[in-house]
Amino acid sequence: MFFSLKTYMPTAALAFFIVFFTVHDLTGERGILLAHQRREALIEKQQQLDGLQAERAALELKAHFLRDGSLSLDLLEERAHEALGFIGSGDYVIRDPAVHG
């Protein structure tokens, strides 16, 4: 009896490994059945990357105009006064009600 089982052990072990790896290939973390979910996640991450790259390009453009060689100091001072609401002692401010409410 034991001798007849011994002859089938290599075949049974091979069948077990074939079934094990097939099931894992289908249902595992990187399995065939989850390929659609991975593609959707990749598309979502690509869109997020595109948005971040556009935001970075806009920030780099703003930073370029703040460098010494590319922006006049008068323009920088004018924008700072306008944004912060500061004026010099010899400056006159005329506010337009249509613009400032």
N, C-alpha and C. Protein backbone atom coordinates (compact mmCIF):
# COMPACT_ATOMS: atom_id res chain seq x y z
N MET A 1 0.83 -1.20 0.00
CA MET A 1 0.00 0.00 0.00
C MET A 1 0.87 1.25 0.00
N PHE A 2 1.84 1.32 0.89
CA PHE A 2 2.71 2.49 0.98
C PHE A 2 3.52 2.68 -0.28
N PHE A 3 3.90 1.57 -0.91
CA PHE A 3 4.69 1.63 -2.13
C PHE A 3 3.89 2.27 -3.26
N SER A 4 2.60 2.00 -3.35
CA SER A 4 1.78 2.59 -4.42
C SER A 4 1.57 4.09 -4.19
N LEU A 5 1.48 4.54 -2.93
CA LEU A 5 1.38 5.97 -2.64
C LEU A 5 2.69 6.69 -2.93
N LYS A 6 3.78 6.03 -2.70
CA LYS A 6 5.09 6.63 -2.91
C LYS A 6 5.33 6.97 -4.38
N THR A 7 4.76 6.23 -5.27
CA THR A 7 4.95 6.50 -6.69
C THR A 7 4.16 7.72 -7.15
N TYR A 8 3.07 8.05 -6.43
CA TYR A 8 2.26 9.20 -6.82
C TYR A 8 2.64 10.50 -6.10
N MET A 9 3.52 10.45 -5.14
CA MET A 9 3.90 11.65 -4.38
C MET A 9 4.52 12.75 -5.25
N PRO A 10 5.45 12.48 -6.13
CA PRO A 10 5.97 13.57 -6.97
C PRO A 10 4.90 14.20 -7.85
N THR A 11 3.99 13.41 -8.36
CA THR A 11 2.91 13.94 -9.19
C THR A 11 1.96 14.80 -8.35
N ALA A 12 1.64 14.34 -7.15
CA ALA A 12 0.77 15.11 -6.26
C ALA A 12 1.43 16.41 -5.84
N ALA A 13 2.72 16.38 -5.54
CA ALA A 13 3.43 17.60 -5.16
C ALA A 13 3.47 18.59 -6.32
N LEU A 14 3.72 18.10 -7.52
CA LEU A 14 3.74 18.96 -8.69
C LEU A 14 2.36 19.57 -8.94
N ALA A 15 1.32 18.78 -8.81
CA ALA A 15 -0.05 19.28 -8.98
C ALA A 15 -0.36 20.34 -7.93
N PHE A 16 0.06 20.10 -6.69
CA PHE A 16 -0.17 21.09 -5.63
C PHE A 16 0.51 22.41 -5.97
N PHE A 17 1.77 22.37 -6.39
CA PHE A 17 2.47 23.61 -6.72
C PHE A 17 1.86 24.32 -7.93
N ILE A 18 1.40 23.56 -8.90
CA ILE A 18 0.74 24.19 -10.06
C ILE A 18 -0.53 24.90 -9.63
N VAL A 19 -1.34 24.25 -8.81
CA VAL A 19 -2.58 24.86 -8.34
C VAL A 19 -2.27 26.07 -7.45
N PHE A 20 -1.30 25.95 -6.57
CA PHE A 20 -0.94 27.04 -5.65
C PHE A 20 -0.51 28.28 -6.43
N PHE A 21 0.41 28.11 -7.36
CA PHE A 21 0.91 29.27 -8.10
C PHE A 21 -0.13 29.84 -9.06
N THR A 22 -1.00 29.01 -9.58
CA THR A 22 -2.08 29.51 -10.45
C THR A 22 -3.06 30.36 -9.66
N VAL A 23 -3.46 29.89 -8.50
CA VAL A 23 -4.38 30.66 -7.66
C VAL A 23 -3.72 31.97 -7.23
N HIS A 24 -2.46 31.92 -6.86
CA HIS A 24 -1.76 33.13 -6.44
C HIS A 24 -1.61 34.10 -7.61
N ASP A 25 -1.38 33.61 -8.80
CA ASP A 25 -1.25 34.45 -9.99
C ASP A 25 -2.57 35.15 -10.31
N LEU A 26 -3.67 34.50 -10.03
CA LEU A 26 -4.97 35.10 -10.31
C LEU A 26 -5.42 36.07 -9.22
N THR A 27 -5.23 35.70 -7.97
CA THR A 27 -5.82 36.47 -6.87
C THR A 27 -4.81 37.19 -5.99
N GLY A 28 -3.55 37.11 -6.29
CA GLY A 28 -2.54 37.73 -5.44
C GLY A 28 -2.53 39.25 -5.54
N GLU A 29 -1.63 39.87 -4.81
CA GLU A 29 -1.54 41.33 -4.76
C GLU A 29 -1.32 41.93 -6.15
N ARG A 30 -0.53 41.29 -6.96
CA ARG A 30 -0.29 41.74 -8.34
C ARG A 30 -0.93 40.78 -9.34
N GLY A 31 -2.02 40.18 -8.95
CA GLY A 31 -2.67 39.17 -9.77
C GLY A 31 -3.39 39.75 -10.97
N ILE A 32 -3.78 38.85 -11.84
CA ILE A 32 -4.45 39.23 -13.08
C ILE A 32 -5.80 39.87 -12.80
N LEU A 33 -6.51 39.40 -11.78
CA LEU A 33 -7.84 39.92 -11.48
C LEU A 33 -7.81 41.36 -10.95
N LEU A 34 -6.68 41.81 -10.44
CA LEU A 34 -6.56 43.18 -9.90
C LEU A 34 -5.91 44.14 -10.88
N ALA A 35 -5.65 43.71 -12.10
CA ALA A 35 -4.98 44.57 -13.08
C ALA A 35 -5.81 45.81 -13.40
N HIS A 36 -7.12 45.68 -13.44
CA HIS A 36 -7.99 46.82 -13.73
C HIS A 36 -7.89 47.88 -12.63
N GLN A 37 -7.87 47.46 -11.40
CA GLN A 37 -7.74 48.40 -10.29
C GLN A 37 -6.39 49.11 -10.33
N ARG A 38 -5.34 48.39 -10.69
CA ARG A 38 -4.01 49.01 -10.79
C ARG A 38 -3.98 50.04 -11.91
N ARG A 39 -4.63 49.75 -13.04
CA ARG A 39 -4.68 50.71 -14.14
C ARG A 39 -5.43 51.98 -13.73
N GLU A 40 -6.54 51.83 -13.02
CA GLU A 40 -7.30 53.00 -12.55
C GLU A 40 -6.48 53.83 -11.58
N ALA A 41 -5.76 53.18 -10.69
CA ALA A 41 -4.91 53.90 -9.74
C ALA A 41 -3.79 54.62 -10.47
N LEU A 42 -3.24 54.00 -11.50
CA LEU A 42 -2.19 54.63 -12.28
C LEU A 42 -2.70 55.87 -13.01
N ILE A 43 -3.89 55.79 -13.56
CA ILE A 43 -4.48 56.95 -14.24
C ILE A 43 -4.72 58.07 -13.25
N GLU A 44 -5.23 57.75 -12.07
CA GLU A 44 -5.48 58.76 -11.03
C GLU A 44 -4.18 59.42 -10.58
N LYS A 45 -3.15 58.62 -10.37
CA LYS A 45 -1.86 59.18 -9.95
C LYS A 45 -1.23 60.02 -11.07
N GLN A 46 -1.42 59.63 -12.33
CA GLN A 46 -0.90 60.41 -13.44
C GLN A 46 -1.58 61.77 -13.52
N GLN A 47 -2.89 61.80 -13.30
CA GLN A 47 -3.61 63.08 -13.29
C GLN A 47 -3.13 63.95 -12.13
N GLN A 48 -2.90 63.35 -10.98
CA GLN A 48 -2.40 64.09 -9.83
C GLN A 48 -1.00 64.64 -10.13
N LEU A 49 -0.16 63.85 -10.78
CA LEU A 49 1.18 64.30 -11.16
C LEU A 49 1.12 65.44 -12.15
N ASP A 50 0.22 65.36 -13.12
CA ASP A 50 0.08 66.44 -14.10
C ASP A 50 -0.33 67.74 -13.42
N GLY A 51 -1.26 67.65 -12.47
CA GLY A 51 -1.68 68.85 -11.73
C GLY A 51 -0.54 69.45 -10.91
N LEU A 52 0.23 68.59 -10.25
CA LEU A 52 1.36 69.07 -9.45
C LEU A 52 2.45 69.68 -10.33
N GLN A 53 2.67 69.10 -11.52
CA GLN A 53 3.66 69.67 -12.43
C GLN A 53 3.22 71.04 -12.94
N ALA A 54 1.92 71.21 -13.21
CA ALA A 54 1.41 72.51 -13.64
C ALA A 54 1.54 73.54 -12.52
N GLU A 55 1.24 73.12 -11.31
CA GLU A 55 1.37 74.02 -10.16
C GLU A 55 2.83 74.42 -9.95
N ARG A 56 3.73 73.47 -10.11
CA ARG A 56 5.16 73.77 -9.96
C ARG A 56 5.63 74.74 -11.03
N ALA A 57 5.16 74.54 -12.26
CA ALA A 57 5.55 75.45 -13.34
C ALA A 57 5.07 76.87 -13.05
N ALA A 58 3.85 77.00 -12.52
CA ALA A 58 3.34 78.33 -12.18
C ALA A 58 4.15 78.96 -11.06
N LEU A 59 4.52 78.17 -10.06
CA LEU A 59 5.33 78.69 -8.96
C LEU A 59 6.74 79.07 -9.43
N GLU A 60 7.30 78.29 -10.35
CA GLU A 60 8.62 78.62 -10.88
C GLU A 60 8.57 79.92 -11.68
N LEU A 61 7.48 80.14 -12.40
CA LEU A 61 7.32 81.39 -13.15
C LEU A 61 7.22 82.57 -12.20
N LYS A 62 6.46 82.42 -11.13
CA LYS A 62 6.37 83.51 -10.14
C LYS A 62 7.72 83.76 -9.49
N ALA A 63 8.43 82.71 -9.17
CA ALA A 63 9.75 82.86 -8.54
C ALA A 63 10.73 83.53 -9.50
N HIS A 64 10.61 83.24 -10.79
CA HIS A 64 11.49 83.87 -11.78
C HIS A 64 11.31 85.38 -11.78
N PHE A 65 10.07 85.83 -11.66
CA PHE A 65 9.82 87.27 -11.69
C PHE A 65 10.18 87.96 -10.37
N LEU A 66 10.48 87.20 -9.34
CA LEU A 66 10.90 87.79 -8.07
C LEU A 66 12.42 87.89 -7.95
N ARG A 67 13.16 87.34 -8.90
CA ARG A 67 14.61 87.41 -8.85
C ARG A 67 15.09 88.81 -9.22
N ASP A 68 16.29 89.15 -8.77
CA ASP A 68 16.83 90.49 -8.98
C ASP A 68 16.91 90.88 -10.44
N GLY A 69 17.35 90.00 -11.29
CA GLY A 69 17.59 90.35 -12.69
C GLY A 69 16.35 90.44 -13.55
N SER A 70 15.21 89.98 -13.09
CA SER A 70 14.04 89.92 -13.96
C SER A 70 12.88 90.81 -13.53
N LEU A 71 13.02 91.57 -12.46
CA LEU A 71 11.92 92.41 -11.99
C LEU A 71 12.48 93.75 -11.58
N SER A 72 11.82 94.80 -12.02
CA SER A 72 12.31 96.12 -11.61
C SER A 72 11.93 96.35 -10.15
N LEU A 73 12.79 96.99 -9.43
CA LEU A 73 12.54 97.25 -8.01
C LEU A 73 11.36 98.18 -7.81
N ASP A 74 11.14 99.12 -8.76
CA ASP A 74 9.99 100.01 -8.66
C ASP A 74 8.68 99.22 -8.74
N LEU A 75 8.64 98.26 -9.66
CA LEU A 75 7.44 97.44 -9.80
C LEU A 75 7.22 96.59 -8.55
N LEU A 76 8.29 96.04 -8.01
CA LEU A 76 8.19 95.25 -6.78
C LEU A 76 7.69 96.11 -5.62
N GLU A 77 8.22 97.31 -5.50
CA GLU A 77 7.79 98.21 -4.43
C GLU A 77 6.32 98.60 -4.60
N GLU A 78 5.93 98.88 -5.83
CA GLU A 78 4.54 99.25 -6.10
C GLU A 78 3.60 98.11 -5.73
N ARG A 79 3.95 96.88 -6.11
CA ARG A 79 3.10 95.73 -5.79
C ARG A 79 3.05 95.48 -4.28
N ALA A 80 4.17 95.68 -3.59
CA ALA A 80 4.19 95.49 -2.14
C ALA A 80 3.32 96.53 -1.45
N HIS A 81 3.42 97.78 -1.90
CA HIS A 81 2.56 98.82 -1.31
C HIS A 81 1.09 98.51 -1.54
N GLU A 82 0.77 98.06 -2.73
CA GLU A 82 -0.62 97.75 -3.05
C GLU A 82 -1.13 96.55 -2.25
N ALA A 83 -0.31 95.53 -2.14
CA ALA A 83 -0.75 94.32 -1.44
C ALA A 83 -0.83 94.52 0.06
N LEU A 84 0.12 95.27 0.62
CA LEU A 84 0.17 95.42 2.07
C LEU A 84 -0.56 96.67 2.57
N GLY A 85 -0.87 97.59 1.67
CA GLY A 85 -1.58 98.80 2.05
C GLY A 85 -0.69 99.85 2.69
N PHE A 86 0.64 99.76 2.52
CA PHE A 86 1.56 100.74 3.08
C PHE A 86 1.83 101.84 2.06
N ILE A 87 2.06 103.05 2.58
CA ILE A 87 2.45 104.16 1.72
C ILE A 87 3.61 104.89 2.37
N GLY A 88 4.36 105.57 1.51
CA GLY A 88 5.47 106.37 2.02
C GLY A 88 4.96 107.68 2.60
N SER A 89 5.82 108.41 3.31
CA SER A 89 5.40 109.66 3.94
C SER A 89 5.11 110.74 2.91
N GLY A 90 5.73 110.70 1.75
CA GLY A 90 5.49 111.71 0.71
C GLY A 90 4.52 111.25 -0.35
N ASP A 91 3.88 110.12 -0.16
CA ASP A 91 2.97 109.59 -1.18
C ASP A 91 1.55 110.08 -0.92
N TYR A 92 0.82 110.22 -2.00
CA TYR A 92 -0.60 110.56 -1.94
C TYR A 92 -1.39 109.36 -2.47
N VAL A 93 -2.44 109.02 -1.77
CA VAL A 93 -3.26 107.88 -2.17
C VAL A 93 -4.63 108.37 -2.56
N ILE A 94 -5.01 108.02 -3.77
CA ILE A 94 -6.35 108.35 -4.26
C ILE A 94 -7.04 107.03 -4.54
N ARG A 95 -8.08 106.76 -3.78
CA ARG A 95 -8.78 105.48 -3.93
C ARG A 95 -9.98 105.67 -4.85
N ASP A 96 -10.15 104.73 -5.70
CA ASP A 96 -11.29 104.73 -6.62
C ASP A 96 -12.39 103.87 -5.98
N PRO A 97 -13.53 104.46 -5.67
CA PRO A 97 -14.60 103.69 -5.01
C PRO A 97 -15.11 102.52 -5.85
N ALA A 98 -15.04 102.66 -7.15
CA ALA A 98 -15.51 101.56 -8.01
C ALA A 98 -14.60 100.35 -7.90
N VAL A 99 -13.30 100.57 -7.66
CA VAL A 99 -12.36 99.48 -7.58
C VAL A 99 -12.29 98.92 -6.16
N HIS A 100 -12.28 99.76 -5.17
CA HIS A 100 -12.08 99.33 -3.79
C HIS A 100 -13.37 99.17 -2.99
N GLY A 101 -14.49 99.41 -3.60
CA GLY A 101 -15.77 99.14 -2.94
C GLY A 101 -16.06 100.13 -1.91
